[in-house]
N, C-alpha and C. Protein backbone atom coordinates (compact mmCIF):
# COMPACT_ATOMS: atom_id res chain seq x y z
N UNK A 1 0.82 -1.17 0.01
CA UNK A 1 0.00 -0.01 0.00
C UNK A 1 0.87 1.24 0.01
N UNK A 2 1.61 1.44 -1.06
CA UNK A 2 2.52 2.58 -1.12
C UNK A 2 1.85 3.79 -1.76
N UNK A 3 2.45 4.92 -1.56
CA UNK A 3 2.08 6.19 -2.18
C UNK A 3 0.71 6.72 -1.80
N UNK A 4 0.12 6.21 -0.75
CA UNK A 4 -1.16 6.78 -0.28
C UNK A 4 -0.82 7.76 0.80
N UNK A 5 -1.63 8.81 0.92
CA UNK A 5 -1.41 9.74 2.00
C UNK A 5 -2.76 10.20 2.51
N UNK A 6 -2.81 10.43 3.80
CA UNK A 6 -4.04 10.92 4.36
C UNK A 6 -4.14 12.42 4.02
N UNK A 7 -5.34 12.91 3.77
CA UNK A 7 -5.44 14.32 3.54
C UNK A 7 -5.39 15.08 4.86
N UNK A 8 -5.00 16.35 4.78
CA UNK A 8 -4.89 17.18 5.98
C UNK A 8 -6.23 17.37 6.60
N UNK A 9 -6.25 17.45 7.93
CA UNK A 9 -7.48 17.61 8.66
C UNK A 9 -8.26 18.85 8.16
N UNK A 10 -7.53 19.88 7.70
CA UNK A 10 -8.20 21.09 7.22
C UNK A 10 -9.03 20.79 5.98
N UNK A 11 -8.75 19.68 5.27
CA UNK A 11 -9.47 19.34 4.08
C UNK A 11 -10.56 18.30 4.39
N UNK A 12 -10.65 17.90 5.66
CA UNK A 12 -11.55 16.80 6.03
C UNK A 12 -12.99 17.18 5.67
N UNK A 13 -13.63 16.30 4.95
CA UNK A 13 -15.03 16.49 4.55
C UNK A 13 -15.74 15.15 4.78
N UNK A 14 -17.04 15.21 4.91
CA UNK A 14 -17.81 13.99 5.03
C UNK A 14 -17.58 13.11 3.80
N UNK A 15 -17.56 11.81 3.97
CA UNK A 15 -17.38 10.87 2.86
C UNK A 15 -18.70 10.75 2.13
N UNK A 16 -18.74 11.43 0.98
CA UNK A 16 -19.93 11.39 0.09
C UNK A 16 -19.45 11.38 -1.36
N UNK A 17 -20.30 10.93 -2.29
CA UNK A 17 -19.93 10.99 -3.69
C UNK A 17 -19.82 12.44 -4.15
N UNK A 18 -20.66 13.33 -3.62
CA UNK A 18 -20.58 14.75 -3.97
C UNK A 18 -19.20 15.28 -3.67
N UNK A 19 -18.67 14.97 -2.51
CA UNK A 19 -17.30 15.43 -2.13
C UNK A 19 -16.24 14.74 -3.00
N UNK A 20 -16.48 13.46 -3.33
CA UNK A 20 -15.55 12.77 -4.25
C UNK A 20 -15.41 13.53 -5.55
N UNK A 21 -16.55 13.94 -6.12
CA UNK A 21 -16.52 14.68 -7.39
C UNK A 21 -15.95 16.07 -7.23
N UNK A 22 -16.16 16.67 -6.08
CA UNK A 22 -15.52 17.98 -5.79
C UNK A 22 -14.02 17.82 -5.77
N UNK A 23 -13.49 16.71 -5.20
CA UNK A 23 -12.06 16.50 -5.20
C UNK A 23 -11.55 16.27 -6.63
N UNK A 24 -12.36 15.53 -7.45
CA UNK A 24 -11.93 15.36 -8.85
C UNK A 24 -11.77 16.68 -9.57
N UNK A 25 -12.67 17.61 -9.27
CA UNK A 25 -12.60 18.95 -9.88
C UNK A 25 -11.33 19.66 -9.48
N UNK A 26 -10.71 19.27 -8.38
CA UNK A 26 -9.43 19.83 -7.90
C UNK A 26 -8.26 18.93 -8.30
N UNK A 27 -8.49 17.99 -9.25
CA UNK A 27 -7.46 17.08 -9.74
C UNK A 27 -6.92 16.12 -8.68
N UNK A 28 -7.79 15.73 -7.74
CA UNK A 28 -7.40 14.80 -6.70
C UNK A 28 -8.24 13.54 -6.80
N UNK A 29 -7.59 12.38 -6.85
CA UNK A 29 -8.31 11.11 -6.83
C UNK A 29 -8.34 10.63 -5.38
N UNK A 30 -9.54 10.72 -4.80
CA UNK A 30 -9.70 10.39 -3.38
C UNK A 30 -10.52 9.13 -3.22
N UNK A 31 -10.29 8.43 -2.13
CA UNK A 31 -11.02 7.25 -1.76
C UNK A 31 -11.18 7.23 -0.28
N UNK A 32 -11.62 6.10 0.25
CA UNK A 32 -11.74 5.98 1.68
C UNK A 32 -10.98 4.76 2.16
N UNK A 33 -10.58 4.81 3.42
CA UNK A 33 -9.84 3.71 4.05
C UNK A 33 -10.52 3.40 5.39
N UNK A 34 -10.75 2.12 5.64
CA UNK A 34 -11.32 1.69 6.87
C UNK A 34 -10.29 1.79 7.98
N UNK A 35 -10.65 2.47 9.05
CA UNK A 35 -9.71 2.62 10.20
C UNK A 35 -9.59 1.33 10.97
N UNK A 36 -10.55 0.42 10.82
CA UNK A 36 -10.54 -0.82 11.56
C UNK A 36 -9.70 -1.92 10.89
N UNK A 37 -9.93 -2.17 9.60
CA UNK A 37 -9.27 -3.27 8.92
C UNK A 37 -8.28 -2.83 7.83
N UNK A 38 -8.29 -1.55 7.45
CA UNK A 38 -7.35 -1.05 6.45
C UNK A 38 -7.76 -1.19 5.01
N UNK A 39 -8.94 -1.75 4.74
CA UNK A 39 -9.44 -1.89 3.37
C UNK A 39 -9.62 -0.50 2.76
N UNK A 40 -9.32 -0.40 1.47
CA UNK A 40 -9.41 0.90 0.76
C UNK A 40 -10.42 0.80 -0.39
N UNK A 41 -11.07 1.93 -0.67
CA UNK A 41 -12.10 2.00 -1.68
C UNK A 41 -12.00 3.23 -2.53
N UNK A 42 -12.27 3.09 -3.81
CA UNK A 42 -12.38 4.21 -4.72
C UNK A 42 -13.39 3.81 -5.81
N UNK A 43 -14.46 4.57 -5.98
CA UNK A 43 -14.90 5.69 -5.20
C UNK A 43 -15.07 5.34 -3.74
N UNK A 44 -15.13 6.35 -2.88
CA UNK A 44 -15.17 6.12 -1.46
C UNK A 44 -16.50 5.46 -1.01
N UNK A 45 -16.41 4.76 0.10
CA UNK A 45 -17.59 4.16 0.71
C UNK A 45 -17.68 4.66 2.17
N UNK A 46 -18.87 4.68 2.69
CA UNK A 46 -19.09 5.11 4.07
C UNK A 46 -19.12 3.92 5.02
N UNK A 47 -19.33 2.69 4.45
CA UNK A 47 -19.31 1.47 5.25
C UNK A 47 -18.36 0.50 4.60
N UNK A 48 -17.47 -0.11 5.39
CA UNK A 48 -16.48 -1.01 4.87
C UNK A 48 -17.15 -2.33 4.41
N UNK A 49 -16.87 -2.73 3.18
CA UNK A 49 -17.43 -3.98 2.65
C UNK A 49 -16.84 -5.21 3.37
N UNK A 50 -15.62 -5.05 3.89
CA UNK A 50 -14.92 -6.21 4.50
C UNK A 50 -15.37 -6.45 5.93
N UNK A 51 -15.41 -5.41 6.76
CA UNK A 51 -15.72 -5.62 8.20
C UNK A 51 -16.98 -4.87 8.65
N UNK A 52 -17.62 -4.13 7.74
CA UNK A 52 -18.86 -3.41 8.04
C UNK A 52 -18.65 -2.23 9.02
N UNK A 53 -17.43 -1.85 9.23
CA UNK A 53 -17.18 -0.68 10.08
C UNK A 53 -17.67 0.59 9.43
N UNK A 54 -18.07 1.56 10.22
CA UNK A 54 -18.43 2.88 9.67
C UNK A 54 -17.34 3.94 9.97
N UNK A 55 -16.21 3.43 10.45
CA UNK A 55 -15.05 4.34 10.76
C UNK A 55 -14.12 4.36 9.58
N UNK A 56 -14.39 5.23 8.62
CA UNK A 56 -13.58 5.37 7.42
C UNK A 56 -13.03 6.80 7.33
N UNK A 57 -11.93 6.94 6.62
CA UNK A 57 -11.33 8.28 6.43
C UNK A 57 -10.92 8.44 4.97
N UNK A 58 -10.80 9.67 4.55
CA UNK A 58 -10.34 9.96 3.19
C UNK A 58 -8.88 9.62 3.02
N UNK A 59 -8.53 9.13 1.83
CA UNK A 59 -7.12 8.98 1.44
C UNK A 59 -6.99 9.47 -0.02
N UNK A 60 -5.81 9.93 -0.38
CA UNK A 60 -5.55 10.36 -1.75
C UNK A 60 -4.72 9.28 -2.46
N UNK A 61 -5.14 8.92 -3.68
CA UNK A 61 -4.42 7.96 -4.47
C UNK A 61 -3.53 8.69 -5.49
N UNK A 62 -2.48 7.99 -5.91
CA UNK A 62 -1.53 8.59 -6.85
C UNK A 62 -2.13 8.80 -8.21
N UNK A 63 -3.14 8.00 -8.57
CA UNK A 63 -3.72 8.11 -9.92
C UNK A 63 -2.98 7.29 -10.95
N UNK A 64 -2.02 6.48 -10.51
CA UNK A 64 -1.27 5.61 -11.42
C UNK A 64 -1.77 4.17 -11.29
N UNK A 65 -1.79 3.49 -12.43
CA UNK A 65 -2.22 2.09 -12.42
C UNK A 65 -1.99 1.40 -13.74
N UNK A 66 -2.55 0.25 -13.90
CA UNK A 66 -2.45 -0.49 -15.13
C UNK A 66 -3.85 -0.95 -15.59
N UNK A 67 -3.97 -1.11 -16.89
CA UNK A 67 -5.24 -1.54 -17.44
C UNK A 67 -5.44 -3.05 -17.16
N UNK A 68 -6.45 -3.38 -16.38
CA UNK A 68 -6.69 -4.78 -16.00
C UNK A 68 -7.55 -5.50 -17.03
N UNK A 69 -8.55 -4.81 -17.54
CA UNK A 69 -9.42 -5.34 -18.59
C UNK A 69 -10.15 -4.15 -19.20
N UNK A 70 -10.75 -4.34 -20.35
CA UNK A 70 -11.47 -3.25 -21.00
C UNK A 70 -12.48 -3.73 -22.02
N UNK A 71 -13.37 -2.83 -22.39
CA UNK A 71 -14.33 -3.05 -23.49
C UNK A 71 -14.28 -1.85 -24.38
N UNK A 72 -14.38 -2.13 -25.68
CA UNK A 72 -14.50 -1.04 -26.65
C UNK A 72 -15.97 -0.94 -26.98
N UNK A 73 -16.53 0.24 -26.74
CA UNK A 73 -17.96 0.42 -26.82
C UNK A 73 -18.29 1.22 -28.08
N UNK A 74 -19.02 0.58 -28.98
CA UNK A 74 -19.39 1.19 -30.27
C UNK A 74 -20.71 1.96 -30.23
N UNK A 75 -21.60 1.54 -29.41
CA UNK A 75 -22.90 2.19 -29.26
C UNK A 75 -23.06 2.51 -27.78
N UNK A 76 -22.90 3.78 -27.45
CA UNK A 76 -22.92 4.16 -26.04
C UNK A 76 -23.88 5.28 -25.75
N UNK A 77 -23.65 5.89 -24.61
CA UNK A 77 -24.54 6.97 -24.13
C UNK A 77 -24.50 8.17 -25.10
N UNK A 78 -25.55 8.96 -25.08
CA UNK A 78 -25.68 10.12 -25.95
C UNK A 78 -24.46 11.07 -25.81
N UNK A 79 -23.99 11.22 -24.54
CA UNK A 79 -22.83 12.06 -24.31
C UNK A 79 -21.63 11.65 -25.12
N UNK A 80 -21.37 10.35 -25.21
CA UNK A 80 -20.20 9.85 -25.97
C UNK A 80 -20.48 9.98 -27.46
N UNK A 81 -21.72 9.72 -27.93
CA UNK A 81 -22.06 9.89 -29.33
C UNK A 81 -21.82 11.31 -29.78
N UNK A 82 -22.19 12.25 -28.93
CA UNK A 82 -22.01 13.68 -29.25
C UNK A 82 -20.54 14.04 -29.40
N UNK A 83 -19.64 13.24 -28.86
CA UNK A 83 -18.20 13.48 -28.96
C UNK A 83 -17.56 12.78 -30.16
N UNK A 84 -18.36 12.10 -30.95
CA UNK A 84 -17.86 11.42 -32.14
C UNK A 84 -17.60 9.92 -32.03
N UNK A 85 -17.91 9.37 -30.88
CA UNK A 85 -17.78 7.91 -30.72
C UNK A 85 -19.04 7.26 -31.28
N UNK A 86 -18.82 6.21 -32.09
CA UNK A 86 -19.96 5.49 -32.71
C UNK A 86 -19.45 4.18 -33.31
N UNK A 87 -20.32 3.50 -33.99
CA UNK A 87 -19.95 2.24 -34.64
C UNK A 87 -18.72 2.47 -35.51
N UNK A 88 -17.69 1.68 -35.27
CA UNK A 88 -16.43 1.83 -36.01
C UNK A 88 -15.48 2.84 -35.37
N UNK A 89 -15.99 3.63 -34.46
CA UNK A 89 -15.16 4.63 -33.73
C UNK A 89 -15.48 4.51 -32.25
N UNK A 90 -15.07 3.41 -31.63
CA UNK A 90 -15.44 3.13 -30.24
C UNK A 90 -14.69 3.93 -29.20
N UNK A 91 -15.23 3.97 -28.02
CA UNK A 91 -14.48 4.49 -26.87
C UNK A 91 -14.14 3.31 -25.97
N UNK A 92 -13.10 3.49 -25.19
CA UNK A 92 -12.63 2.42 -24.30
C UNK A 92 -13.08 2.70 -22.88
N UNK A 93 -13.71 1.71 -22.29
CA UNK A 93 -14.07 1.77 -20.88
C UNK A 93 -13.33 0.62 -20.20
N UNK A 94 -12.50 0.93 -19.24
CA UNK A 94 -11.65 -0.09 -18.64
C UNK A 94 -11.76 -0.20 -17.13
N UNK A 95 -11.19 -1.28 -16.64
CA UNK A 95 -10.99 -1.44 -15.20
C UNK A 95 -9.50 -1.26 -14.95
N UNK A 96 -9.15 -0.29 -14.12
CA UNK A 96 -7.76 0.07 -13.86
C UNK A 96 -7.42 -0.39 -12.46
N UNK A 97 -6.28 -1.15 -12.39
CA UNK A 97 -5.78 -1.58 -11.09
C UNK A 97 -4.84 -0.49 -10.60
N UNK A 98 -5.24 0.23 -9.60
CA UNK A 98 -4.39 1.31 -9.06
C UNK A 98 -3.18 0.74 -8.37
N UNK A 99 -2.09 1.44 -8.37
CA UNK A 99 -0.84 0.92 -7.75
C UNK A 99 -1.01 0.71 -6.26
N UNK A 100 -2.02 1.37 -5.65
CA UNK A 100 -2.25 1.18 -4.23
C UNK A 100 -3.14 -0.04 -3.94
N UNK A 101 -3.65 -0.69 -4.99
CA UNK A 101 -4.42 -1.90 -4.79
C UNK A 101 -5.79 -1.99 -5.36
N UNK A 102 -6.68 -1.02 -5.06
CA UNK A 102 -8.08 -1.19 -5.54
C UNK A 102 -8.17 -1.01 -7.05
N UNK A 103 -9.28 -1.46 -7.58
CA UNK A 103 -9.61 -1.33 -9.02
C UNK A 103 -10.74 -0.32 -9.16
N UNK A 104 -10.69 0.42 -10.30
CA UNK A 104 -11.72 1.40 -10.54
C UNK A 104 -12.07 1.35 -12.03
N UNK A 105 -13.31 1.56 -12.35
CA UNK A 105 -13.78 1.62 -13.75
C UNK A 105 -13.76 3.03 -14.25
N UNK A 106 -13.29 3.22 -15.47
CA UNK A 106 -13.21 4.59 -16.01
C UNK A 106 -13.01 4.57 -17.53
N UNK A 107 -13.31 5.69 -18.15
CA UNK A 107 -13.05 5.94 -19.57
C UNK A 107 -11.52 6.01 -19.73
N UNK A 108 -10.98 5.27 -20.72
CA UNK A 108 -9.55 5.35 -21.04
C UNK A 108 -9.43 6.18 -22.30
N UNK A 109 -8.75 7.32 -22.20
CA UNK A 109 -8.63 8.23 -23.32
C UNK A 109 -7.22 8.19 -23.86
N UNK A 110 -7.06 8.67 -25.09
CA UNK A 110 -5.75 8.71 -25.70
C UNK A 110 -5.34 10.13 -26.02
N UNK A 111 -4.19 10.27 -26.66
CA UNK A 111 -3.73 11.62 -27.03
C UNK A 111 -4.60 12.26 -28.11
N UNK A 112 -5.38 11.46 -28.85
CA UNK A 112 -6.27 11.97 -29.85
C UNK A 112 -7.42 11.00 -30.06
N UNK A 113 -8.51 11.48 -30.65
CA UNK A 113 -9.63 10.57 -30.95
C UNK A 113 -9.20 9.48 -31.93
N UNK A 114 -8.37 9.84 -32.88
CA UNK A 114 -7.90 8.83 -33.86
C UNK A 114 -7.13 7.73 -33.16
N UNK A 115 -6.33 8.06 -32.17
CA UNK A 115 -5.61 7.05 -31.40
C UNK A 115 -6.60 6.14 -30.69
N UNK A 116 -7.63 6.75 -30.10
CA UNK A 116 -8.62 5.98 -29.34
C UNK A 116 -9.43 5.05 -30.23
N UNK A 117 -9.65 5.39 -31.49
CA UNK A 117 -10.46 4.60 -32.39
C UNK A 117 -9.75 3.30 -32.84
N UNK A 118 -8.45 3.21 -32.58
CA UNK A 118 -7.66 2.03 -33.00
C UNK A 118 -7.57 1.04 -31.86
N UNK A 119 -8.29 -0.07 -31.91
CA UNK A 119 -8.25 -1.04 -30.81
C UNK A 119 -6.85 -1.59 -30.50
N UNK A 120 -5.96 -1.57 -31.45
CA UNK A 120 -4.58 -2.07 -31.26
C UNK A 120 -3.82 -1.25 -30.22
N UNK A 121 -4.28 -0.07 -29.88
CA UNK A 121 -3.60 0.79 -28.91
C UNK A 121 -3.85 0.42 -27.46
N UNK A 122 -4.85 -0.42 -27.21
CA UNK A 122 -5.21 -0.81 -25.86
C UNK A 122 -4.67 -2.20 -25.56
N UNK A 123 -3.91 -2.33 -24.50
CA UNK A 123 -3.30 -3.59 -24.09
C UNK A 123 -3.49 -3.76 -22.60
N UNK A 124 -3.93 -4.99 -22.19
CA UNK A 124 -4.01 -5.29 -20.77
C UNK A 124 -2.58 -5.17 -20.19
N UNK A 125 -2.48 -4.49 -19.06
CA UNK A 125 -1.19 -4.30 -18.43
C UNK A 125 -0.53 -2.98 -18.75
N UNK A 126 -1.07 -2.24 -19.73
CA UNK A 126 -0.44 -0.95 -20.11
C UNK A 126 -0.55 0.03 -18.92
N UNK A 127 0.54 0.78 -18.69
CA UNK A 127 0.50 1.75 -17.60
C UNK A 127 -0.34 2.97 -17.94
N UNK A 128 -1.10 3.40 -16.97
CA UNK A 128 -2.00 4.53 -17.12
C UNK A 128 -1.85 5.51 -15.96
N UNK A 129 -2.29 6.73 -16.19
CA UNK A 129 -2.37 7.74 -15.13
C UNK A 129 -3.71 8.44 -15.23
N UNK A 130 -4.12 8.97 -14.11
CA UNK A 130 -5.44 9.63 -14.06
C UNK A 130 -5.47 10.84 -14.99
N UNK A 131 -6.64 11.06 -15.54
CA UNK A 131 -6.89 12.26 -16.34
C UNK A 131 -8.31 12.70 -15.96
N UNK A 132 -8.44 13.81 -15.35
CA UNK A 132 -9.76 14.30 -14.96
C UNK A 132 -10.42 14.88 -16.20
N UNK A 133 -11.60 14.40 -16.48
CA UNK A 133 -12.33 14.78 -17.69
C UNK A 133 -13.45 15.77 -17.33
N UNK A 134 -13.41 16.92 -17.97
CA UNK A 134 -14.50 17.93 -17.76
C UNK A 134 -15.66 17.55 -18.68
N UNK A 135 -16.81 17.33 -18.09
CA UNK A 135 -18.01 16.92 -18.79
C UNK A 135 -18.90 18.14 -18.96
N UNK A 136 -19.13 18.48 -20.21
CA UNK A 136 -19.99 19.64 -20.50
C UNK A 136 -21.19 19.19 -21.34
N UNK A 137 -22.35 19.34 -20.77
CA UNK A 137 -23.60 18.99 -21.42
C UNK A 137 -24.44 20.25 -21.48
N UNK A 138 -24.95 20.56 -22.66
CA UNK A 138 -25.73 21.79 -22.84
C UNK A 138 -26.87 21.88 -21.84
N UNK A 139 -26.99 23.03 -21.22
CA UNK A 139 -28.06 23.25 -20.26
C UNK A 139 -27.70 22.83 -18.84
N UNK A 140 -26.50 22.31 -18.62
CA UNK A 140 -26.09 21.89 -17.29
C UNK A 140 -24.78 22.53 -16.93
N UNK A 141 -24.52 22.59 -15.64
CA UNK A 141 -23.21 23.07 -15.18
C UNK A 141 -22.18 22.00 -15.49
N UNK A 142 -20.94 22.42 -15.82
CA UNK A 142 -19.90 21.39 -16.06
C UNK A 142 -19.67 20.54 -14.83
N UNK A 143 -19.32 19.29 -15.06
CA UNK A 143 -18.94 18.40 -13.97
C UNK A 143 -17.63 17.73 -14.33
N UNK A 144 -17.10 16.95 -13.44
CA UNK A 144 -15.81 16.30 -13.66
C UNK A 144 -15.95 14.82 -13.41
N UNK A 145 -15.25 14.03 -14.26
CA UNK A 145 -15.30 12.57 -14.15
C UNK A 145 -13.90 12.03 -14.20
N UNK A 146 -13.73 10.85 -13.66
CA UNK A 146 -12.43 10.19 -13.67
C UNK A 146 -12.19 9.47 -14.98
N UNK A 147 -11.03 9.72 -15.57
CA UNK A 147 -10.60 9.00 -16.74
C UNK A 147 -9.13 8.62 -16.56
N UNK A 148 -8.61 7.84 -17.49
CA UNK A 148 -7.20 7.48 -17.45
C UNK A 148 -6.64 7.61 -18.84
N UNK A 149 -5.34 7.84 -18.92
CA UNK A 149 -4.62 7.97 -20.21
C UNK A 149 -3.30 7.23 -20.10
N UNK A 150 -2.71 6.87 -21.26
CA UNK A 150 -1.42 6.20 -21.22
C UNK A 150 -0.35 7.09 -20.61
N UNK A 151 0.59 6.44 -19.94
CA UNK A 151 1.72 7.19 -19.33
C UNK A 151 2.68 7.59 -20.42
């Protein structure tokens, strides 16, 4: 469990998904750690899946990991279609094993859409780093989502 650090008490916030996304907007990948058994989660959880403790605290992850598995999605949500992803031009959604241990699902992006459209560019085990994605949908305030890109 290397490279994890507890956030400063001055940044302490209740463990909620809203606060998780607020941290993403500040380019921080945060999760929770059980004070009782040490299990870690990302996105954060308020109750430990392992021991059912409710004593959890925020931790910051490095944002580095490897691609554990992935799917290339040709027909997806309207948001992705509006960005040019479609049949023959898929987007990659992967499971990333973080260097600190947990796995997280996220959009895997490349240096360009053309790079992303080529399935040969995605390999299980490839090193990735976090990339916070600004999501802009007409009529809504921008939000931020977790993505990953090649190192």
